[in-house]
Amino acid sequence: MERALFTEYARRYKDTIFRVALNALGSPVDADDIVQETLLRLLEWQEPFESEKHVKYWLIRVSLNLCKNELRVPWRRHKTLDDANAIPTFDNPNYSDLYEEIMRLSEKYRTVLYLFYFEGYSVNEIADILDIRVTTVTSRLSRARQKLEFQMTEHMEECTNE
């Protein structure tokens, strides 16, 4: 890939790749590693991209695949959110609680929630990025919302009982 084009893509999408990786892995250090590996793959990529949208989809897909590979490593299987210590700071304290609850969802639910609400992708776009059917995205979003609502209700009950 041409250096100037690579530099532009890296500047434009590095934050998006980081957020996607942080969402998937829960660790800013691991997310940085995924950003670097994704950008290295972009630098080595020889095929032309069809459009700007195609570049972004490709980068997100590559980063998610790298995250899945990282999660397959045996030592990561026993890691918890507390181990990662990766809860970002938010202006509104309620967002921290929400983030913690989202991170407790399984990866397949976290990913669709993140892409839909935080990155602003449509259901059709998420289906393209994740290479799954639109109905699968819709059902995962629905289940994720239900699970999140249940978790938040439990969390609120625990807080009021303390």
C-alpha atoms as a PDB file:
ATOM      1  CA  MET A   1       0.000   0.000   0.000  1.00  0.00           C
ATOM      2  CA  GLU A   2       1.150   3.498  -0.786  1.00  0.00           C
ATOM      3  CA  ARG A   3       2.604   5.248   2.304  1.00  0.00           C
ATOM      4  CA  ALA A   4       0.540   8.446   2.026  1.00  0.00           C
ATOM      5  CA  LEU A   5      -2.696   6.480   1.717  1.00  0.00           C
ATOM      6  CA  PHE A   6      -1.708   4.216   4.596  1.00  0.00           C
ATOM      7  CA  THR A   7      -0.910   7.225   6.787  1.00  0.00           C
ATOM      8  CA  GLU A   8      -4.301   8.762   6.037  1.00  0.00           C
ATOM      9  CA  TYR A   9      -6.186   5.531   6.793  1.00  0.00           C
ATOM     10  CA  ALA A  10      -4.187   4.979   9.983  1.00  0.00           C
ATOM     11  CA  ARG A  11      -4.876   8.511  11.209  1.00  0.00           C
ATOM     12  CA  ARG A  12      -8.551   8.298  10.346  1.00  0.00           C
ATOM     13  CA  TYR A  13      -9.342   4.825  11.746  1.00  0.00           C
ATOM     14  CA  LYS A  14      -6.904   4.074  14.571  1.00  0.00           C
ATOM     15  CA  ASP A  15      -9.337   5.292  17.243  1.00  0.00           C
ATOM     16  CA  THR A  16     -12.172   3.221  15.823  1.00  0.00           C
ATOM     17  CA  ILE A  17      -9.982   0.115  15.751  1.00  0.00           C
ATOM     18  CA  PHE A  18      -8.909   0.797  19.338  1.00  0.00           C
ATOM     19  CA  ARG A  19     -12.502   1.151  20.560  1.00  0.00           C
ATOM     20  CA  VAL A  20     -13.578  -2.035  18.791  1.00  0.00           C
ATOM     21  CA  ALA A  21     -10.631  -3.949  20.278  1.00  0.00           C
ATOM     22  CA  LEU A  22     -11.176  -2.504  23.753  1.00  0.00           C
ATOM     23  CA  ASN A  23     -14.805  -3.530  23.557  1.00  0.00           C
ATOM     24  CA  ALA A  24     -13.848  -7.062  22.536  1.00  0.00           C
ATOM     25  CA  LEU A  25     -10.892  -7.589  24.877  1.00  0.00           C
ATOM     26  CA  GLY A  26     -11.490  -5.267  27.808  1.00  0.00           C
ATOM     27  CA  SER A  27      -7.843  -4.257  28.056  1.00  0.00           C
ATOM     28  CA  PRO A  28      -6.340  -1.041  26.683  1.00  0.00           C
ATOM     29  CA  VAL A  29      -2.905  -2.659  26.414  1.00  0.00           C
ATOM     30  CA  ASP A  30      -4.269  -5.548  24.352  1.00  0.00           C
ATOM     31  CA  ALA A  31      -6.350  -3.113  22.298  1.00  0.00           C
ATOM     32  CA  ASP A  32      -3.170  -1.159  21.452  1.00  0.00           C
ATOM     33  CA  ASP A  33      -1.569  -4.386  20.266  1.00  0.00           C
ATOM     34  CA  ILE A  34      -4.583  -5.111  18.049  1.00  0.00           C
ATOM     35  CA  VAL A  35      -4.390  -1.600  16.564  1.00  0.00           C
ATOM     36  CA  GLN A  36      -0.746  -2.126  15.691  1.00  0.00           C
ATOM     37  CA  GLU A  37      -1.327  -5.563  14.185  1.00  0.00           C
ATOM     38  CA  THR A  38      -4.343  -4.342  12.190  1.00  0.00           C
ATOM     39  CA  LEU A  39      -2.410  -1.394  10.808  1.00  0.00           C
ATOM     40  CA  LEU A  40       0.512  -3.667   9.899  1.00  0.00           C
ATOM     41  CA  ARG A  41      -1.874  -5.830   7.917  1.00  0.00           C
ATOM     42  CA  LEU A  42      -3.234  -2.735   6.207  1.00  0.00           C
ATOM     43  CA  LEU A  43       0.287  -1.663   5.292  1.00  0.00           C
ATOM     44  CA  GLU A  44       0.969  -5.094   3.759  1.00  0.00           C
ATOM     45  CA  TRP A  45      -2.388  -5.213   1.935  1.00  0.00           C
ATOM     46  CA  GLN A  46      -1.871  -5.100  -1.829  1.00  0.00           C
ATOM     47  CA  GLU A  47      -5.442  -5.174  -3.168  1.00  0.00           C
ATOM     48  CA  PRO A  48      -7.284  -1.923  -3.903  1.00  0.00           C
ATOM     49  CA  PHE A  49     -10.307  -1.067  -1.792  1.00  0.00           C
ATOM     50  CA  GLU A  50     -13.637  -0.449  -3.512  1.00  0.00           C
ATOM     51  CA  SER A  51     -14.552   2.562  -1.385  1.00  0.00           C
ATOM     52  CA  GLU A  52     -13.904   4.389   1.870  1.00  0.00           C
ATOM     53  CA  LYS A  53     -16.666   2.331   3.456  1.00  0.00           C
ATOM     54  CA  HIS A  54     -14.933  -0.867   2.336  1.00  0.00           C
ATOM     55  CA  VAL A  55     -11.684   0.224   4.045  1.00  0.00           C
ATOM     56  CA  LYS A  56     -13.444   0.850   7.354  1.00  0.00           C
ATOM     57  CA  TYR A  57     -15.362  -2.442   7.193  1.00  0.00           C
ATOM     58  CA  TRP A  58     -12.158  -4.295   6.336  1.00  0.00           C
ATOM     59  CA  LEU A  59     -10.270  -2.749   9.255  1.00  0.00           C
ATOM     60  CA  ILE A  60     -13.044  -3.543  11.737  1.00  0.00           C
ATOM     61  CA  ARG A  61     -13.328  -7.101  10.444  1.00  0.00           C
ATOM     62  CA  VAL A  62      -9.563  -7.657  10.667  1.00  0.00           C
ATOM     63  CA  SER A  63      -9.423  -6.196  14.184  1.00  0.00           C
ATOM     64  CA  LEU A  64     -12.346  -8.370  15.346  1.00  0.00           C
ATOM     65  CA  ASN A  65     -10.682 -11.469  13.906  1.00  0.00           C
ATOM     66  CA  LEU A  66      -7.438 -10.601  15.676  1.00  0.00           C
ATOM     67  CA  CYS A  67      -9.399 -10.121  18.915  1.00  0.00           C
ATOM     68  CA  LYS A  68     -11.021 -13.529  18.505  1.00  0.00           C
ATOM     69  CA  ASN A  69      -7.589 -15.070  18.003  1.00  0.00           C
ATOM     70  CA  GLU A  70      -6.342 -13.300  21.117  1.00  0.00           C
ATOM     71  CA  LEU A  71      -9.290 -14.603  23.140  1.00  0.00           C
ATOM     72  CA  ARG A  72      -8.423 -18.167  22.100  1.00  0.00           C
ATOM     73  CA  VAL A  73      -5.074 -17.996  23.887  1.00  0.00           C
ATOM     74  CA  PRO A  74      -5.397 -20.267  26.965  1.00  0.00           C
ATOM     75  CA  TRP A  75      -4.213 -17.754  29.576  1.00  0.00           C
ATOM     76  CA  ARG A  76      -6.929 -15.268  28.506  1.00  0.00           C
ATOM     77  CA  ARG A  77      -9.756 -17.671  29.250  1.00  0.00           C
ATOM     78  CA  HIS A  78      -9.463 -17.109  32.977  1.00  0.00           C
ATOM     79  CA  LYS A  79      -9.200 -13.352  32.830  1.00  0.00           C
ATOM     80  CA  THR A  80     -12.055 -11.257  34.226  1.00  0.00           C
ATOM     81  CA  LEU A  81     -13.032  -7.640  33.834  1.00  0.00           C
ATOM     82  CA  ASP A  82     -11.435  -6.936  37.215  1.00  0.00           C
ATOM     83  CA  ASP A  83      -8.153  -8.400  35.961  1.00  0.00           C
ATOM     84  CA  ALA A  84      -8.202  -6.152  32.921  1.00  0.00           C
ATOM     85  CA  ASN A  85      -8.785  -2.996  34.989  1.00  0.00           C
ATOM     86  CA  ALA A  86      -9.886  -1.272  31.800  1.00  0.00           C
ATOM     87  CA  ILE A  87     -12.968   0.713  32.684  1.00  0.00           C
ATOM     88  CA  PRO A  88     -12.619   4.110  31.068  1.00  0.00           C
ATOM     89  CA  THR A  89     -13.619   7.249  32.923  1.00  0.00           C
ATOM     90  CA  PHE A  90     -16.875   8.927  31.975  1.00  0.00           C
ATOM     91  CA  ASP A  91     -18.341  12.330  32.731  1.00  0.00           C
ATOM     92  CA  ASN A  92     -21.537  10.696  33.962  1.00  0.00           C
ATOM     93  CA  PRO A  93     -20.885   8.087  36.715  1.00  0.00           C
ATOM     94  CA  ASN A  94     -23.870   6.033  35.526  1.00  0.00           C
ATOM     95  CA  TYR A  95     -22.017   5.387  32.258  1.00  0.00           C
ATOM     96  CA  SER A  96     -19.300   3.540  34.162  1.00  0.00           C
ATOM     97  CA  ASP A  97     -21.889   1.170  35.595  1.00  0.00           C
ATOM     98  CA  LEU A  98     -23.447   0.712  32.166  1.00  0.00           C
ATOM     99  CA  TYR A  99     -20.037   0.028  30.615  1.00  0.00           C
ATOM    100  CA  GLU A 100     -19.259  -2.585  33.277  1.00  0.00           C
ATOM    101  CA  GLU A 101     -22.564  -4.322  32.615  1.00  0.00           C
ATOM    102  CA  ILE A 102     -22.005  -4.279  28.851  1.00  0.00           C
ATOM    103  CA  MET A 103     -18.548  -5.795  29.352  1.00  0.00           C
ATOM    104  CA  ARG A 104     -20.123  -8.658  31.314  1.00  0.00           C
ATOM    105  CA  LEU A 105     -22.112  -9.691  28.245  1.00  0.00           C
ATOM    106  CA  SER A 106     -20.637 -12.322  25.969  1.00  0.00           C
ATOM    107  CA  GLU A 107     -18.501 -11.055  23.099  1.00  0.00           C
ATOM    108  CA  LYS A 108     -21.128 -11.639  20.408  1.00  0.00           C
ATOM    109  CA  TYR A 109     -23.631  -9.436  22.236  1.00  0.00           C
ATOM    110  CA  ARG A 110     -21.079  -6.764  23.218  1.00  0.00           C
ATOM    111  CA  THR A 111     -19.919  -6.424  19.635  1.00  0.00           C
ATOM    112  CA  VAL A 112     -23.343  -5.796  18.094  1.00  0.00           C
ATOM    113  CA  LEU A 113     -24.301  -3.394  20.891  1.00  0.00           C
ATOM    114  CA  TYR A 114     -21.075  -1.489  20.482  1.00  0.00           C
ATOM    115  CA  LEU A 115     -21.266  -1.239  16.694  1.00  0.00           C
ATOM    116  CA  PHE A 116     -24.936  -0.238  16.791  1.00  0.00           C
ATOM    117  CA  TYR A 117     -24.962   2.283  19.640  1.00  0.00           C
ATOM    118  CA  PHE A 118     -21.417   3.597  19.889  1.00  0.00           C
ATOM    119  CA  GLU A 119     -20.245   3.455  16.262  1.00  0.00           C
ATOM    120  CA  GLY A 120     -23.692   4.199  14.797  1.00  0.00           C
ATOM    121  CA  TYR A 121     -23.820   1.388  12.244  1.00  0.00           C
ATOM    122  CA  SER A 122     -27.148   0.144  10.916  1.00  0.00           C
ATOM    123  CA  VAL A 123     -28.200  -3.472  11.296  1.00  0.00           C
ATOM    124  CA  ASN A 124     -27.410  -4.087   7.613  1.00  0.00           C
ATOM    125  CA  GLU A 125     -23.937  -2.580   7.977  1.00  0.00           C
ATOM    126  CA  ILE A 126     -23.215  -4.667  11.083  1.00  0.00           C
ATOM    127  CA  ALA A 127     -24.282  -7.786   9.185  1.00  0.00           C
ATOM    128  CA  ASP A 128     -21.818  -6.882   6.421  1.00  0.00           C
ATOM    129  CA  ILE A 129     -18.991  -6.143   8.857  1.00  0.00           C
ATOM    130  CA  LEU A 130     -19.479  -9.328  10.876  1.00  0.00           C
ATOM    131  CA  ASP A 131     -20.377 -11.424   7.825  1.00  0.00           C
ATOM    132  CA  ILE A 132     -23.588 -12.697   9.402  1.00  0.00           C
ATOM    133  CA  ARG A 133     -27.237 -12.469   8.417  1.00  0.00           C
ATOM    134  CA  VAL A 134     -29.315  -9.376   9.195  1.00  0.00           C
ATOM    135  CA  THR A 135     -31.731 -11.515  11.215  1.00  0.00           C
ATOM    136  CA  THR A 136     -28.824 -12.724  13.348  1.00  0.00           C
ATOM    137  CA  VAL A 137     -27.801  -9.146  14.094  1.00  0.00           C
ATOM    138  CA  THR A 138     -31.385  -8.242  14.954  1.00  0.00           C
ATOM    139  CA  SER A 139     -31.784 -11.188  17.304  1.00  0.00           C
ATOM    140  CA  ARG A 140     -28.411 -10.546  18.966  1.00  0.00           C
ATOM    141  CA  LEU A 141     -29.325  -6.901  19.534  1.00  0.00           C
ATOM    142  CA  SER A 142     -32.648  -7.918  21.026  1.00  0.00           C
ATOM    143  CA  ARG A 143     -31.094 -10.547  23.299  1.00  0.00           C
ATOM    144  CA  ALA A 144     -28.305  -8.185  24.299  1.00  0.00           C
ATOM    145  CA  ARG A 145     -30.814  -5.523  25.322  1.00  0.00           C
ATOM    146  CA  GLN A 146     -32.784  -8.098  27.338  1.00  0.00           C
ATOM    147  CA  LYS A 147     -29.676  -9.419  29.064  1.00  0.00           C
ATOM    148  CA  LEU A 148     -28.439  -5.908  29.764  1.00  0.00           C
ATOM    149  CA  GLU A 149     -31.795  -4.890  31.209  1.00  0.00           C
ATOM    150  CA  PHE A 150     -31.800  -7.965  33.448  1.00  0.00           C
ATOM    151  CA  GLN A 151     -28.233  -7.310  34.608  1.00  0.00           C
ATOM    152  CA  MET A 152     -28.937  -3.641  35.285  1.00  0.00           C
ATOM    153  CA  THR A 153     -32.067  -4.514  37.275  1.00  0.00           C
ATOM    154  CA  GLU A 154     -30.066  -6.962  39.391  1.00  0.00           C
ATOM    155  CA  HIS A 155     -27.322  -4.366  39.859  1.00  0.00           C
ATOM    156  CA  MET A 156     -29.828  -1.726  40.978  1.00  0.00           C
ATOM    157  CA  GLU A 157     -31.420  -4.168  43.416  1.00  0.00           C
ATOM    158  CA  GLU A 158     -28.007  -4.996  44.878  1.00  0.00           C
ATOM    159  CA  CYS A 159     -27.244  -1.294  45.306  1.00  0.00           C
ATOM    160  CA  THR A 160     -30.514  -0.605  47.105  1.00  0.00           C
ATOM    161  CA  ASN A 161     -30.053  -3.621  49.420  1.00  0.00           C
ATOM    162  CA  GLU A 162     -26.605  -2.477  50.576  1.00  0.00           C
END
